[in-house]
Amino acid sequence: MFSHSSSSESRLTLEDTQQWSQSLERLLDSKYGLAAFRNFLKSEYSDENIEFWLVCEEYKKIKSSFRMSSKAKKIYEQFIKAESPKEINIDYHTREQIKRSVKNPTLHCFDDAQKMVYGLMERDSYPRFLRSDIYRTLLENLSADATKG
């Protein structure tokens, strides 16, 4: 029997995978869930949302103001600026607010945009992921393994 630690050597279990359907938070908390969700979004060409969300999670851990400043500019250039390579779908007001705040960034300057993107994923891509072949196949394979055991 496997212990339920999320250590790097623990295998993905059917139970874990079934829990992903309980909430987007559960899915993103799982290393495997996150990887499966990212693959799914890449297959739909909409992975900028999860990439942005992950970058924001990293950004909030920054301790030095110098690194915060360069990272904030990078995030702005990549995800926020109109016509940026991975432009996320946020409203004009939020975009402008971030544009101003990256000049003197705080740990929270992307919070509103991150919440919006999370909401979009939760309403839109997450339900599609749960219906996707990627998720279904994974569940089927794990159930088959479980019955073999």
C-alpha atoms as a PDB file:
ATOM      1  CA  MET A   1       0.000   0.000   0.000  1.00  0.00           C
ATOM      2  CA  PHE A   2       1.351   3.442  -0.845  1.00  0.00           C
ATOM      3  CA  SER A   3       1.518   6.130   1.758  1.00  0.00           C
ATOM      4  CA  HIS A   4      -0.278   9.329   0.817  1.00  0.00           C
ATOM      5  CA  SER A   5       2.748  11.555   0.797  1.00  0.00           C
ATOM      6  CA  SER A   6       3.171  13.786  -2.193  1.00  0.00           C
ATOM      7  CA  SER A   7       6.880  13.021  -2.321  1.00  0.00           C
ATOM      8  CA  SER A   8       8.497  12.867  -5.720  1.00  0.00           C
ATOM      9  CA  GLU A   9       8.756   9.079  -5.747  1.00  0.00           C
ATOM     10  CA  SER A  10       5.077   8.439  -4.964  1.00  0.00           C
ATOM     11  CA  ARG A  11       3.118   7.084  -7.887  1.00  0.00           C
ATOM     12  CA  LEU A  12      -0.087   8.496  -9.151  1.00  0.00           C
ATOM     13  CA  THR A  13      -3.055   6.628  -7.709  1.00  0.00           C
ATOM     14  CA  LEU A  14      -6.611   6.263  -8.919  1.00  0.00           C
ATOM     15  CA  GLU A  15      -7.820   7.939  -5.736  1.00  0.00           C
ATOM     16  CA  ASP A  16      -5.594  10.984  -6.335  1.00  0.00           C
ATOM     17  CA  THR A  17      -6.747  11.253  -9.906  1.00  0.00           C
ATOM     18  CA  GLN A  18     -10.407  11.010  -8.945  1.00  0.00           C
ATOM     19  CA  GLN A  19      -9.901  13.839  -6.447  1.00  0.00           C
ATOM     20  CA  TRP A  20      -8.874  16.188  -9.243  1.00  0.00           C
ATOM     21  CA  SER A  21     -12.513  16.376 -10.262  1.00  0.00           C
ATOM     22  CA  GLN A  22     -13.477  17.861  -6.879  1.00  0.00           C
ATOM     23  CA  SER A  23     -11.950  21.283  -7.509  1.00  0.00           C
ATOM     24  CA  LEU A  24      -9.453  23.108  -9.663  1.00  0.00           C
ATOM     25  CA  GLU A  25      -7.465  23.778  -6.503  1.00  0.00           C
ATOM     26  CA  ARG A  26      -7.122  20.022  -5.887  1.00  0.00           C
ATOM     27  CA  LEU A  27      -5.969  19.554  -9.464  1.00  0.00           C
ATOM     28  CA  LEU A  28      -3.333  22.293  -9.298  1.00  0.00           C
ATOM     29  CA  ASP A  29      -2.091  21.082  -5.910  1.00  0.00           C
ATOM     30  CA  SER A  30      -1.099  17.788  -7.472  1.00  0.00           C
ATOM     31  CA  LYS A  31       2.167  17.669  -9.379  1.00  0.00           C
ATOM     32  CA  TYR A  32       0.690  15.095 -11.778  1.00  0.00           C
ATOM     33  CA  GLY A  33      -2.614  16.920 -12.013  1.00  0.00           C
ATOM     34  CA  LEU A  34      -0.884  20.134 -12.921  1.00  0.00           C
ATOM     35  CA  ALA A  35       1.183  18.354 -15.584  1.00  0.00           C
ATOM     36  CA  ALA A  36      -1.904  16.689 -17.086  1.00  0.00           C
ATOM     37  CA  PHE A  37      -3.842  19.972 -17.059  1.00  0.00           C
ATOM     38  CA  ARG A  38      -0.944  21.798 -18.746  1.00  0.00           C
ATOM     39  CA  ASN A  39      -0.748  19.140 -21.459  1.00  0.00           C
ATOM     40  CA  PHE A  40      -4.461  19.458 -22.015  1.00  0.00           C
ATOM     41  CA  LEU A  41      -4.255  23.265 -22.285  1.00  0.00           C
ATOM     42  CA  LYS A  42      -1.295  22.994 -24.677  1.00  0.00           C
ATOM     43  CA  SER A  43      -3.386  20.688 -26.845  1.00  0.00           C
ATOM     44  CA  GLU A  44      -6.045  23.429 -26.925  1.00  0.00           C
ATOM     45  CA  TYR A  45      -3.478  26.187 -27.486  1.00  0.00           C
ATOM     46  CA  SER A  46      -4.645  27.937 -24.330  1.00  0.00           C
ATOM     47  CA  ASP A  47      -1.791  27.265 -21.944  1.00  0.00           C
ATOM     48  CA  GLU A  48      -1.049  30.969 -21.380  1.00  0.00           C
ATOM     49  CA  ASN A  49      -3.522  30.987 -18.466  1.00  0.00           C
ATOM     50  CA  ILE A  50      -1.861  28.201 -16.494  1.00  0.00           C
ATOM     51  CA  GLU A  51       1.595  29.544 -17.384  1.00  0.00           C
ATOM     52  CA  PHE A  52       0.593  32.973 -16.067  1.00  0.00           C
ATOM     53  CA  TRP A  53      -0.925  31.475 -12.915  1.00  0.00           C
ATOM     54  CA  LEU A  54       2.257  29.496 -12.213  1.00  0.00           C
ATOM     55  CA  VAL A  55       4.487  32.507 -12.856  1.00  0.00           C
ATOM     56  CA  CYS A  56       2.396  34.502 -10.358  1.00  0.00           C
ATOM     57  CA  GLU A  57       2.773  31.754  -7.758  1.00  0.00           C
ATOM     58  CA  GLU A  58       6.557  31.916  -8.234  1.00  0.00           C
ATOM     59  CA  TYR A  59       6.540  35.716  -8.225  1.00  0.00           C
ATOM     60  CA  LYS A  60       4.837  35.868  -4.819  1.00  0.00           C
ATOM     61  CA  LYS A  61       7.791  33.976  -3.293  1.00  0.00           C
ATOM     62  CA  ILE A  62      10.392  36.547  -4.378  1.00  0.00           C
ATOM     63  CA  LYS A  63      12.242  38.137  -1.499  1.00  0.00           C
ATOM     64  CA  SER A  64      14.470  40.732  -3.165  1.00  0.00           C
ATOM     65  CA  SER A  65      13.006  43.943  -4.539  1.00  0.00           C
ATOM     66  CA  PHE A  66      15.526  43.969  -7.379  1.00  0.00           C
ATOM     67  CA  ARG A  67      14.437  40.509  -8.543  1.00  0.00           C
ATOM     68  CA  MET A  68      10.804  41.469  -8.039  1.00  0.00           C
ATOM     69  CA  SER A  69      11.231  44.443 -10.298  1.00  0.00           C
ATOM     70  CA  SER A  70      12.859  42.534 -13.165  1.00  0.00           C
ATOM     71  CA  LYS A  71      10.429  39.625 -12.829  1.00  0.00           C
ATOM     72  CA  ALA A  72       7.391  41.959 -12.786  1.00  0.00           C
ATOM     73  CA  LYS A  73       8.592  43.592 -16.021  1.00  0.00           C
ATOM     74  CA  LYS A  74       9.112  40.175 -17.593  1.00  0.00           C
ATOM     75  CA  ILE A  75       5.620  39.009 -16.605  1.00  0.00           C
ATOM     76  CA  TYR A  76       4.172  42.249 -17.940  1.00  0.00           C
ATOM     77  CA  GLU A  77       6.002  41.923 -21.271  1.00  0.00           C
ATOM     78  CA  GLN A  78       5.069  38.276 -21.691  1.00  0.00           C
ATOM     79  CA  PHE A  79       1.464  38.076 -20.466  1.00  0.00           C
ATOM     80  CA  ILE A  80      -0.110  41.469 -19.774  1.00  0.00           C
ATOM     81  CA  LYS A  81       0.950  43.933 -22.454  1.00  0.00           C
ATOM     82  CA  ALA A  82      -1.480  44.133 -25.372  1.00  0.00           C
ATOM     83  CA  GLU A  83      -0.232  41.916 -28.227  1.00  0.00           C
ATOM     84  CA  SER A  84       2.252  40.195 -25.914  1.00  0.00           C
ATOM     85  CA  PRO A  85       3.285  36.639 -26.909  1.00  0.00           C
ATOM     86  CA  LYS A  86       1.089  34.959 -24.276  1.00  0.00           C
ATOM     87  CA  GLU A  87      -1.443  37.696 -23.714  1.00  0.00           C
ATOM     88  CA  ILE A  88      -4.028  36.687 -21.111  1.00  0.00           C
ATOM     89  CA  ASN A  89      -7.665  37.637 -21.313  1.00  0.00           C
ATOM     90  CA  ILE A  90      -8.177  40.371 -18.705  1.00  0.00           C
ATOM     91  CA  ASP A  91     -10.083  43.633 -18.837  1.00  0.00           C
ATOM     92  CA  TYR A  92      -8.584  46.959 -19.867  1.00  0.00           C
ATOM     93  CA  HIS A  93      -8.824  48.435 -16.381  1.00  0.00           C
ATOM     94  CA  THR A  94      -6.814  45.596 -14.793  1.00  0.00           C
ATOM     95  CA  ARG A  95      -4.248  45.732 -17.612  1.00  0.00           C
ATOM     96  CA  GLU A  96      -3.732  49.480 -17.071  1.00  0.00           C
ATOM     97  CA  GLN A  97      -3.516  49.054 -13.308  1.00  0.00           C
ATOM     98  CA  ILE A  98      -0.758  46.454 -13.715  1.00  0.00           C
ATOM     99  CA  LYS A  99       1.010  48.630 -16.280  1.00  0.00           C
ATOM    100  CA  ARG A 100       1.264  51.351 -13.617  1.00  0.00           C
ATOM    101  CA  SER A 101       2.156  49.065 -10.737  1.00  0.00           C
ATOM    102  CA  VAL A 102       5.063  47.276 -12.452  1.00  0.00           C
ATOM    103  CA  LYS A 103       6.988  50.557 -12.272  1.00  0.00           C
ATOM    104  CA  ASN A 104       7.110  50.061  -8.483  1.00  0.00           C
ATOM    105  CA  PRO A 105       5.969  46.482  -8.111  1.00  0.00           C
ATOM    106  CA  THR A 106       4.700  44.868  -4.926  1.00  0.00           C
ATOM    107  CA  LEU A 107       4.136  41.177  -4.281  1.00  0.00           C
ATOM    108  CA  HIS A 108       0.459  41.729  -5.020  1.00  0.00           C
ATOM    109  CA  CYS A 109       0.506  43.637  -8.289  1.00  0.00           C
ATOM    110  CA  PHE A 110      -0.684  40.598 -10.282  1.00  0.00           C
ATOM    111  CA  ASP A 111      -3.254  39.331  -7.763  1.00  0.00           C
ATOM    112  CA  ASP A 112      -6.343  40.654  -9.553  1.00  0.00           C
ATOM    113  CA  ALA A 113      -5.229  39.305 -12.912  1.00  0.00           C
ATOM    114  CA  GLN A 114      -4.305  35.982 -11.318  1.00  0.00           C
ATOM    115  CA  LYS A 115      -7.770  35.717  -9.739  1.00  0.00           C
ATOM    116  CA  MET A 116      -9.403  36.480 -13.093  1.00  0.00           C
ATOM    117  CA  VAL A 117      -7.325  33.874 -14.891  1.00  0.00           C
ATOM    118  CA  TYR A 118      -8.075  31.324 -12.163  1.00  0.00           C
ATOM    119  CA  GLY A 119     -11.784  32.065 -12.540  1.00  0.00           C
ATOM    120  CA  LEU A 120     -11.538  31.660 -16.310  1.00  0.00           C
ATOM    121  CA  MET A 121      -9.794  28.302 -15.953  1.00  0.00           C
ATOM    122  CA  GLU A 122     -12.291  27.172 -13.323  1.00  0.00           C
ATOM    123  CA  ARG A 123     -15.327  28.044 -15.447  1.00  0.00           C
ATOM    124  CA  ASP A 124     -13.923  27.180 -18.821  1.00  0.00           C
ATOM    125  CA  SER A 125     -10.888  24.933 -19.273  1.00  0.00           C
ATOM    126  CA  TYR A 126     -11.256  22.909 -16.057  1.00  0.00           C
ATOM    127  CA  PRO A 127     -14.691  21.436 -16.930  1.00  0.00           C
ATOM    128  CA  ARG A 128     -13.381  20.679 -20.441  1.00  0.00           C
ATOM    129  CA  PHE A 129     -10.343  18.988 -18.931  1.00  0.00           C
ATOM    130  CA  LEU A 130     -12.589  16.723 -16.837  1.00  0.00           C
ATOM    131  CA  ARG A 131     -14.393  15.663 -20.027  1.00  0.00           C
ATOM    132  CA  SER A 132     -11.192  15.337 -22.054  1.00  0.00           C
ATOM    133  CA  ASP A 133      -9.613  12.179 -23.418  1.00  0.00           C
ATOM    134  CA  ILE A 134      -6.443  12.990 -21.491  1.00  0.00           C
ATOM    135  CA  TYR A 135      -8.277  12.757 -18.144  1.00  0.00           C
ATOM    136  CA  ARG A 136     -10.599   9.894 -19.107  1.00  0.00           C
ATOM    137  CA  THR A 137      -7.768   7.742 -20.439  1.00  0.00           C
ATOM    138  CA  LEU A 138      -5.735   8.350 -17.313  1.00  0.00           C
ATOM    139  CA  LEU A 139      -8.667   7.278 -15.107  1.00  0.00           C
ATOM    140  CA  GLU A 140      -9.320   4.201 -17.240  1.00  0.00           C
ATOM    141  CA  ASN A 141      -5.687   3.123 -17.155  1.00  0.00           C
ATOM    142  CA  LEU A 142      -5.470   3.604 -13.400  1.00  0.00           C
ATOM    143  CA  SER A 143      -8.731   1.687 -12.813  1.00  0.00           C
ATOM    144  CA  ALA A 144      -7.407  -1.147 -14.964  1.00  0.00           C
ATOM    145  CA  ASP A 145      -4.190  -1.211 -12.935  1.00  0.00           C
ATOM    146  CA  ALA A 146      -6.181  -1.172  -9.692  1.00  0.00           C
ATOM    147  CA  THR A 147      -8.264  -4.190 -10.698  1.00  0.00           C
ATOM    148  CA  LYS A 148      -5.154  -6.081 -11.802  1.00  0.00           C
ATOM    149  CA  GLY A 149      -3.522  -5.492  -8.409  1.00  0.00           C
END
